[in-house]
Protein backbone atom coordinates (compact mmCIF):
# COMPACT_ATOMS: atom_id res chain seq x y z
CA MET A 1 99.12 151.55 122.30
CA ALA A 2 96.93 150.15 119.63
CA LYS A 3 96.30 146.59 119.70
CA LEU A 4 97.50 143.66 117.37
CA THR A 5 95.97 141.21 116.26
CA ALA A 6 97.43 138.28 117.71
CA ARG A 7 97.29 135.85 114.87
CA THR A 8 99.23 133.81 112.64
CA PRO A 9 99.69 134.18 108.48
CA LYS A 10 96.96 131.05 106.84
CA GLY A 11 98.82 127.93 106.97
CA MET A 12 101.37 128.53 109.74
CA ARG A 13 101.31 127.64 112.85
CA ASP A 14 102.33 127.84 116.72
CA PHE A 15 102.97 124.95 118.75
CA LEU A 16 102.59 124.60 122.03
CA PRO A 17 105.51 122.72 124.52
CA ALA A 18 103.05 119.72 124.69
CA ASP A 19 103.22 120.19 120.86
CA MET A 20 106.55 120.17 120.20
CA ILE A 21 107.63 117.72 123.02
CA LYS A 22 105.83 115.10 120.18
CA ARG A 23 107.41 116.63 117.44
CA GLN A 24 110.86 116.16 118.54
CA TYR A 25 110.21 112.59 120.06
CA VAL A 26 109.31 112.18 116.23
CA PHE A 27 112.04 113.97 115.04
CA GLY A 28 113.97 112.03 117.63
CA VAL A 29 113.65 108.82 116.41
CA ILE A 30 113.76 109.73 112.31
CA ARG A 31 117.50 111.14 113.03
CA GLU A 32 118.55 108.21 114.84
CA VAL A 33 117.35 106.31 111.67
CA PHE A 34 118.44 107.99 109.17
CA GLU A 35 122.23 107.72 111.57
CA SER A 36 121.96 104.08 111.50
CA PHE A 37 121.94 103.63 107.49
CA GLY A 38 124.60 106.13 107.70
CA PHE A 39 123.04 109.51 106.65
CA GLU A 40 124.46 112.89 107.99
CA PRO A 41 123.42 116.21 108.72
CA ILE A 42 123.50 118.74 106.40
CA ASP A 43 121.40 122.31 106.63
CA THR A 44 121.06 124.84 103.89
CA PRO A 45 118.97 128.89 103.73
CA VAL A 46 115.56 128.74 103.94
CA LEU A 47 116.23 131.09 100.65
CA GLU A 48 117.14 130.38 97.41
CA LEU A 49 118.16 131.41 94.14
CA ARG A 50 114.27 131.59 92.09
CA GLU A 51 116.74 130.58 88.95
CA ASN A 52 117.66 127.35 90.59
CA LEU A 53 114.16 127.11 92.06
CA MET A 54 111.97 127.06 88.71
CA SER A 55 114.88 125.61 87.10
CA GLY A 56 113.91 122.42 89.18
CA ASN A 57 111.34 121.02 87.24
CA TYR A 58 108.57 120.97 90.06
CA GLY A 59 105.73 120.52 87.24
CA GLU A 60 103.30 123.99 86.14
CA ASP A 61 100.90 123.60 88.99
CA ALA A 62 103.90 122.96 92.11
CA GLU A 63 105.75 126.15 90.63
CA LYS A 64 102.44 128.15 91.23
CA LEU A 65 103.18 127.50 94.34
CA ILE A 66 106.60 128.88 95.17
CA TYR A 67 106.98 131.30 97.63
CA TYR A 68 109.16 134.32 96.13
CA ALA A 69 111.21 136.86 98.82
CA GLN A 70 112.18 140.02 97.48
CA HIS A 71 114.38 142.96 99.38
CA PRO A 72 113.32 145.79 98.09
CA GLY A 73 116.32 146.82 95.66
CA ALA A 74 118.20 143.45 96.00
CA LYS A 75 119.18 142.55 92.91
CA GLU A 76 119.26 138.77 93.34
CA GLU A 77 115.43 137.15 93.02
CA LEU A 78 115.02 134.75 95.81
CA ALA A 79 112.45 132.24 96.43
CA LEU A 80 111.90 129.73 100.22
CA ARG A 81 112.68 126.55 99.21
CA TYR A 82 110.05 124.35 98.23
CA ASP A 83 111.43 121.06 99.34
CA LEU A 84 114.79 119.94 100.60
CA THR A 85 115.74 117.97 96.64
CA VAL A 86 116.21 120.97 94.40
CA PRO A 87 118.51 122.48 97.49
CA LEU A 88 120.20 119.59 97.97
CA SER A 89 121.62 119.32 94.59
CA ARG A 90 122.85 122.97 94.20
CA PHE A 91 124.25 121.91 97.50
CA PHE A 92 126.64 118.95 96.07
CA ALA A 93 127.61 120.95 93.93
CA ALA A 94 128.32 123.75 94.95
CA HIS A 95 130.52 121.22 97.75
CA GLU A 96 131.67 118.52 95.71
CA ASN A 97 135.53 118.84 96.16
CA ASP A 98 134.87 118.51 99.90
CA LEU A 99 132.48 115.79 99.76
CA SER A 100 132.87 111.39 99.19
CA LEU A 101 130.69 109.01 97.21
CA PRO A 102 128.71 107.50 97.01
CA PHE A 103 127.10 110.36 100.00
CA ARG A 104 123.98 109.84 101.98
CA ARG A 105 122.37 113.42 103.18
CA TYR A 106 119.62 113.49 105.82
CA HIS A 107 118.03 116.97 106.11
CA ILE A 108 115.00 117.74 108.33
CA ALA A 109 113.43 121.22 107.98
CA PRO A 110 111.01 123.42 107.33
CA VAL A 111 109.36 124.53 103.41
CA TRP A 112 106.99 126.80 102.14
CA ARG A 113 104.35 126.87 99.63
CA GLY A 114 101.37 128.80 98.97
CA ASP A 115 98.99 125.98 98.86
CA ARG A 116 95.45 126.29 99.97
CA PRO A 117 95.44 125.27 103.63
CA GLN A 118 93.03 122.56 104.42
CA LYS A 119 93.08 119.90 107.10
CA GLY A 120 96.82 118.48 107.40
CA ARG A 121 98.33 121.15 104.13
CA PHE A 122 99.85 123.95 105.61
CA ARG A 123 102.05 126.98 104.10
CA GLU A 124 104.61 126.03 106.61
CA PHE A 125 105.92 121.96 107.12
CA TYR A 126 108.68 120.13 107.65
CA GLN A 127 110.05 117.64 105.53
CA CYS A 128 112.80 114.18 106.37
CA ASP A 129 114.62 113.94 103.75
CA ALA A 130 117.52 110.99 103.08
CA ASP A 131 119.17 110.46 99.61
CA ILE A 132 122.39 108.64 98.26
CA VAL A 133 124.28 110.49 95.71
CA GLY A 134 126.09 108.22 93.62
CA VAL A 135 124.67 104.93 93.16
CA ARG A 136 123.26 103.16 89.87
CA HIS A 137 122.40 99.98 91.78
CA MET A 138 119.01 99.89 93.12
CA GLY A 139 120.87 98.62 95.83
CA ALA A 140 120.57 102.53 96.87
CA ASP A 141 116.37 102.16 96.07
CA ALA A 142 116.06 99.29 98.88
CA GLU A 143 118.34 100.93 101.07
CA VAL A 144 116.14 104.05 101.09
CA MET A 145 113.34 101.68 101.37
CA ASN A 146 114.52 100.12 104.12
CA VAL A 147 114.59 103.50 106.15
CA VAL A 148 111.32 103.84 105.47
CA TYR A 149 110.19 100.61 106.76
CA THR A 150 112.22 100.92 109.63
CA VAL A 151 111.22 104.73 110.50
CA LEU A 152 107.25 103.73 110.82
CA LYS A 153 108.13 100.64 112.42
CA ARG A 154 110.53 101.98 115.44
CA LEU A 155 107.17 104.70 115.74
CA GLY A 156 104.97 101.88 116.07
CA PHE A 157 103.23 101.67 112.60
CA ALA A 158 102.63 97.57 112.10
CA ASP A 159 100.08 97.80 109.12
CA PHE A 160 101.42 100.63 106.15
CA THR A 161 102.23 99.17 103.04
CA ILE A 162 105.18 101.14 100.22
CA LYS A 163 103.84 101.26 96.88
CA TYR A 164 106.60 100.82 94.42
CA ASN A 165 106.68 101.68 90.48
CA ASN A 166 108.56 103.32 88.05
CA ARG A 167 108.41 106.23 86.08
CA LYS A 168 110.48 104.82 82.87
CA LEU A 169 107.45 101.76 82.65
CA LEU A 170 105.15 104.57 82.74
CA LEU A 171 106.81 106.19 80.01
CA GLY A 172 106.71 102.59 77.80
CA ILE A 173 103.60 102.01 78.60
CA GLY A 174 102.29 105.16 77.09
CA ALA A 175 104.87 104.83 73.85
CA TYR A 176 103.40 100.52 73.70
CA SER A 177 100.12 102.49 74.20
CA GLY A 178 100.01 104.39 70.83
CA VAL A 179 99.16 107.85 73.20
CA PRO A 180 101.14 110.75 71.57
CA GLU A 181 104.04 112.24 72.97
CA ASN A 182 102.21 115.50 74.03
CA ARG A 183 99.75 113.92 75.53
CA LEU A 184 101.21 112.41 78.25
CA PRO A 185 101.42 114.68 81.02
CA PHE A 186 97.42 114.15 80.66
CA LEU A 187 98.09 110.91 80.71
CA TYR A 188 99.65 110.51 84.07
CA ARG A 189 97.69 113.39 86.05
CA THR A 190 94.99 110.89 84.74
CA ILE A 191 96.18 107.82 86.03
CA ASP A 192 97.29 108.95 89.27
CA LYS A 193 93.87 109.66 89.71
CA THR A 194 93.44 106.08 90.64
CA ASP A 195 92.99 105.66 93.77
CA LYS A 196 90.45 107.91 93.73
CA ILE A 197 88.43 107.20 90.65
CA GLY A 198 89.71 103.76 89.86
CA LEU A 199 90.35 101.99 86.80
CA GLU A 200 86.65 102.20 85.58
CA GLY A 201 87.35 106.26 85.86
CA VAL A 202 90.28 106.67 84.89
CA THR A 203 89.07 104.47 81.44
CA GLU A 204 86.34 107.29 80.77
CA GLU A 205 88.34 110.23 81.09
CA LEU A 206 90.66 108.95 79.07
CA ARG A 207 88.35 108.18 75.96
CA LYS A 208 87.05 111.70 76.86
CA GLU A 209 90.29 112.56 75.82
CA GLY A 210 89.63 111.09 72.80
CA LEU A 211 92.28 108.49 72.39
CA ALA A 212 91.44 105.56 70.20
CA GLU A 213 89.67 102.37 72.32
CA GLU A 214 92.65 100.44 71.14
CA THR A 215 94.67 103.17 73.16
CA VAL A 216 92.66 103.04 75.83
CA GLN A 217 92.05 99.87 76.37
CA ARG A 218 96.24 97.81 76.16
CA LEU A 219 96.78 101.36 77.95
CA VAL A 220 94.44 100.04 81.58
CA ASN A 221 95.57 95.79 80.88
CA LEU A 222 98.76 97.22 81.54
CA LEU A 223 98.12 98.67 84.36
CA VAL A 224 96.82 96.01 86.03
CA VAL A 225 98.41 94.35 88.39
CA GLU A 226 98.00 91.21 91.18
CA ASP A 227 99.93 91.29 93.58
CA GLY A 228 101.68 88.58 95.68
CA ASP A 229 105.03 87.70 96.66
CA ALA A 230 108.75 88.10 94.64
CA SER A 231 107.96 85.47 92.33
CA LYS A 232 104.67 86.31 91.30
CA ARG A 233 106.02 89.76 90.66
CA LEU A 234 109.02 88.48 89.35
CA ALA A 235 106.63 86.67 87.01
CA LEU A 236 104.84 89.34 86.13
CA LEU A 237 107.99 91.44 85.16
CA GLY A 238 108.81 89.03 82.94
CA GLN A 239 105.48 88.69 81.76
CA LEU A 240 105.88 92.29 79.54
CA ARG A 241 109.29 92.20 79.02
CA GLU A 242 107.58 90.21 76.62
CA GLU A 243 104.67 91.92 76.05
CA MET A 244 106.68 95.46 75.22
CA ASP A 245 109.71 93.71 73.79
CA GLY A 246 111.47 96.28 71.46
CA ILE A 247 110.74 99.25 73.84
CA ASP A 248 114.26 100.15 75.86
CA ILE A 249 112.89 102.91 78.16
CA ALA A 250 110.39 99.99 78.99
CA GLN A 251 112.92 97.43 79.47
CA GLN A 252 115.10 99.25 81.56
CA GLY A 253 112.34 100.05 83.84
CA LEU A 254 111.36 97.17 84.19
CA GLU A 255 114.94 95.67 84.87
CA GLU A 256 114.66 98.37 87.59
CA LEU A 257 111.86 96.77 88.90
CA GLU A 258 113.17 93.19 89.21
CA GLN A 259 116.27 94.23 91.36
CA LEU A 260 114.11 95.65 93.41
CA THR A 261 111.57 93.61 93.78
CA ARG A 262 114.65 90.85 94.42
CA SER A 263 116.18 92.80 96.78
CA ALA A 264 113.29 93.66 99.13
CA ASP A 265 112.72 90.50 98.90
CA ALA A 266 115.98 89.53 100.98
CA LEU A 267 115.89 92.87 102.81
CA GLY A 268 111.95 90.96 104.67
CA LEU A 269 110.36 94.59 103.40
CA LEU A 270 108.28 92.82 100.49
CA GLY A 271 105.30 91.70 103.38
CA ASN A 272 105.03 95.34 103.82
CA THR A 273 105.42 96.30 99.77
CA ALA A 274 103.00 97.15 96.59
CA MET A 275 103.68 97.07 93.36
CA ASP A 276 101.75 99.58 91.92
CA PHE A 277 101.43 100.86 88.45
CA THR A 278 98.72 103.67 88.96
CA MET A 279 101.21 105.44 91.45
CA VAL A 280 103.19 108.59 89.60
CA ARG A 281 104.12 111.11 91.93
CA GLY A 282 103.39 114.24 90.28
CA LEU A 283 106.76 116.38 90.43
CA GLY A 284 108.90 115.89 87.80
CA TYR A 285 112.42 115.36 88.13
CA TYR A 286 111.61 111.86 89.36
CA THR A 287 113.45 109.34 86.44
CA GLY A 288 113.35 106.04 87.68
CA PRO A 289 111.77 104.25 90.37
CA ILE A 290 109.16 106.47 92.69
CA PHE A 291 107.93 105.27 96.02
CA GLU A 292 104.98 106.43 98.45
CA THR A 293 104.13 104.84 101.34
CA PHE A 294 100.05 104.49 103.02
CA ILE A 295 99.34 103.68 106.67
CA THR A 296 96.93 100.58 105.62
CA LYS A 297 94.58 99.89 108.93
CA PRO A 298 92.31 100.41 110.84
CA GLU A 299 91.45 102.13 106.96
CA ASN A 300 93.61 103.47 104.96
CA LEU A 301 95.09 106.43 106.33
CA GLY A 302 96.36 108.67 103.48
CA ALA A 303 100.29 108.52 102.45
CA VAL A 304 103.41 109.62 104.66
CA GLN A 305 105.94 108.97 102.56
CA GLY A 306 107.23 110.22 98.84
CA GLY A 307 109.88 109.70 96.29
CA GLY A 308 111.95 108.30 93.84
CA ARG A 309 115.53 108.63 92.15
CA TYR A 310 115.99 111.25 90.07
CA ASP A 311 119.13 111.45 88.71
CA GLU A 312 119.02 114.40 86.60
CA LEU A 313 118.79 117.22 88.92
CA ILE A 314 122.11 117.57 89.46
CA GLY A 315 123.13 117.34 86.79
CA LEU A 316 121.62 121.12 86.43
CA PHE A 317 123.82 122.45 89.12
CA ARG A 318 126.97 120.61 88.24
CA GLY A 319 127.14 119.91 84.32
CA GLN A 320 127.20 116.22 84.47
CA SER A 321 124.63 114.10 86.17
CA LEU A 322 125.10 112.22 89.44
CA PRO A 323 122.62 109.11 89.77
CA THR A 324 120.59 109.61 93.31
CA THR A 325 117.62 108.38 94.62
CA GLY A 326 116.10 109.52 98.73
CA ILE A 327 112.75 109.44 100.27
CA SER A 328 110.90 112.30 101.79
CA PHE A 329 108.74 111.69 105.32
CA GLY A 330 105.53 113.83 105.33
CA ILE A 331 106.21 114.71 108.51
CA GLU A 332 102.59 116.30 109.92
CA ARG A 333 101.04 113.61 108.49
CA ILE A 334 102.70 110.92 110.87
CA LEU A 335 101.59 112.81 114.03
CA GLU A 336 98.11 113.54 113.76
CA LEU A 337 98.59 109.45 112.88
CA MET A 338 100.38 108.21 116.12
CA ASP A 339 98.04 110.66 118.08
CA ILE A 340 94.76 108.99 116.17
CA LEU A 341 96.06 106.09 116.92
CA ASN A 342 97.35 106.76 119.97
CA LEU A 343 101.21 105.73 119.36
CA TYR A 344 103.20 107.76 121.37
CA PRO A 345 105.05 105.67 124.70
CA ALA A 346 103.99 106.69 127.89
CA SER A 347 106.50 108.67 129.18
CA ILE A 348 105.89 111.10 126.77
CA GLY A 349 103.97 113.83 128.72
CA SER A 350 103.21 117.43 128.44
CA THR A 351 106.62 118.69 129.87
CA VAL A 352 110.18 118.34 130.00
CA VAL A 353 110.30 118.96 133.70
CA GLN A 354 111.13 116.16 135.79
CA ALA A 355 111.12 118.15 139.48
CA LEU A 356 109.47 121.03 140.56
CA VAL A 357 111.78 122.30 143.67
CA THR A 358 109.22 124.20 146.39
CA LEU A 359 109.66 127.10 147.89
CA PHE A 360 109.05 128.95 151.62
CA SER A 361 109.57 131.93 151.78
CA ASP A 362 111.90 134.51 149.53
CA ASP A 363 114.85 133.99 151.73
CA LEU A 364 115.16 130.41 150.21
CA GLN A 365 115.40 131.47 146.64
CA THR A 366 119.96 130.87 146.83
CA ASP A 367 118.73 127.03 149.04
CA ALA A 368 116.44 126.55 146.28
CA LEU A 369 118.32 127.35 143.60
CA LYS A 370 121.32 124.91 144.85
CA LEU A 371 118.81 122.30 145.38
CA ALA A 372 117.83 122.98 142.08
CA MET A 373 121.37 122.72 140.84
CA GLU A 374 122.21 119.15 142.78
CA LEU A 375 119.50 117.58 141.30
CA ARG A 376 120.66 118.98 137.37
CA GLU A 377 123.74 117.34 138.22
CA ALA A 378 121.66 114.22 138.85
CA GLY A 379 120.65 113.77 135.01
CA ILE A 380 116.82 115.64 136.55
CA ARG A 381 115.42 118.05 134.16
CA THR A 382 114.57 120.15 137.34
CA GLU A 383 112.53 123.99 138.00
CA THR A 384 113.12 125.99 140.63
CA TYR A 385 109.16 127.64 141.85
CA MET A 386 109.99 131.70 142.06
CA ASP A 387 107.43 133.21 143.85
CA ALA A 388 107.01 132.64 147.84
CA ARG A 389 104.07 134.49 147.34
CA LYS A 390 101.81 132.02 146.63
CA GLY A 391 102.02 128.84 149.27
CA ILE A 392 103.28 124.76 148.51
CA GLY A 393 100.11 123.75 147.98
CA LYS A 394 99.45 125.67 144.78
CA GLN A 395 103.23 125.12 144.05
CA ILE A 396 101.59 121.74 144.59
CA GLY A 397 99.01 122.41 142.51
CA TYR A 398 101.22 124.02 139.66
CA ALA A 399 103.82 121.06 139.05
CA ASP A 400 100.30 118.81 138.57
CA SER A 401 98.61 121.51 135.97
CA LYS A 402 102.02 120.95 134.00
CA ARG A 403 102.93 117.07 135.61
CA ILE A 404 105.50 117.60 136.62
CA PRO A 405 106.45 114.15 138.36
CA ILE A 406 107.60 114.23 141.15
CA VAL A 407 107.64 118.09 143.97
CA VAL A 408 110.80 118.47 146.27
CA ILE A 409 109.57 120.44 149.75
CA ALA A 410 112.89 121.42 151.82
CA GLY A 411 112.28 124.62 154.58
CA GLN A 412 114.24 126.02 156.96
CA ASP A 413 114.05 123.54 159.96
CA GLU A 414 114.57 120.85 157.60
CA LEU A 415 117.07 122.50 155.37
CA LYS A 416 118.88 122.73 158.91
CA ALA A 417 118.85 119.91 159.21
CA GLY A 418 120.01 118.50 156.25
CA GLN A 419 116.52 116.48 155.57
CA VAL A 420 114.57 117.38 152.18
CA ARG A 421 110.80 115.60 151.02
CA LEU A 422 110.36 114.13 147.42
CA LYS A 423 106.59 114.00 146.85
CA ARG A 424 105.47 111.56 143.91
CA LEU A 425 102.74 113.37 142.57
CA ALA A 426 100.59 110.69 140.99
CA ASP A 427 100.16 108.75 143.56
CA GLY A 428 101.04 110.86 146.34
CA HIS A 429 104.15 109.00 147.59
CA GLU A 430 106.07 110.70 149.68
CA GLU A 431 109.58 110.32 151.71
CA SER A 432 112.06 112.69 153.42
CA VAL A 433 115.68 111.95 152.73
CA ASN A 434 119.08 113.04 153.56
CA ARG A 435 120.42 116.50 151.02
CA ARG A 436 123.06 113.66 150.30
CA GLU A 437 120.69 111.45 148.32
CA LEU A 438 118.66 113.51 146.94
CA GLY A 439 119.41 112.64 143.65
CA SER A 440 119.63 109.13 143.69
CA ALA A 441 116.26 109.47 146.10
CA ALA A 442 114.78 111.57 143.21
CA ARG A 443 116.15 109.37 140.32
CA ARG A 444 114.64 105.85 142.29
CA LEU A 445 111.17 107.76 142.25
CA LEU A 446 111.16 108.95 138.54
CA ASN A 447 112.72 105.03 138.11
CA LEU A 448 116.01 106.40 136.10
CA ALA A 449 117.92 104.61 138.65
């Protein structure tokens, strides 16, 4: 038989049990927070109709990364989902009669992008999304901002900044500065580089593009935000209202930013936020407030969340738009940073098993299985060792290598006497207990009692 190469496709990964335990912990925290805010779970197929994904207004660069998935002879043109947002829009339009507005959903699932694999960037990865459909007021945007804040605090992140901006304001800034409409996509791509090249670099690129010096200076001056408390932010927004008087789209964006700032202040979030007019977000479907969150200490460790308002996207599937806003966590980056910052609880081990029942001889297999059942009935996750050819010492070594906390030892004589021995591997503590007390004694040694 020819030997196959045991490798995964580029940009896709296997996960060992120890990795999955960490992932499940983080997913569990995020799920609990989502549900505590009243978001309900949904799921959608991994495959969508190609025409649906291509109509999602991701943007030209993003659309190049969509994976097509065509079966020979199939009539439908299919593609792997690129994100969880366009599928939500299709989902809502398909099931509108079974849903109530406002509709809060969360979705934790993998997505696929034909990106160039590199550190921290994969072709298959999970997203954790929460969205509110049917609320026009900025209270919905403040709510999803609060979700981001709560998740990161619950996971143990102390220093992070939720940046917020508004796409309507960006359109207004372009119009006020005199940038021709056909040059706006270039303008936004350039502004979005501010974190990497600074405002001086942005200024230089705008000049190279041939924009008039007056246009460049007026535009760059509007992008500078001196951050501060709510009163300072609101004062700046008020000044911009006066400066861009008569530009309706800018006035709408500024009003939404004022509402969002007041709500964030009232919720106690403002200290972990920053108003940033250079934050653009690349996807083309955003229509209002946009968000990006960065872990900021011990240094700027990169973005872990993105999102915003996309009021027109559901309208592509139902013929009439609905106000919608939401956020998405970059779970892979969060997992990496939790390792770097050592944020996992001490209780998160490398195995789910809490107890190992050892096996003296093959004729005690049934007794070992019964002991394991008794431990499981006591709420203890238990593995039974099933190869009596390995001595008790090697079985204990197996438990130690897997970091299983306790082992159960019961030979023929002990079983006849109604006794079992328990050994806690962390400190070597060992004790004999009555068989009837096995579950309670094991819970005590595991600090579960």
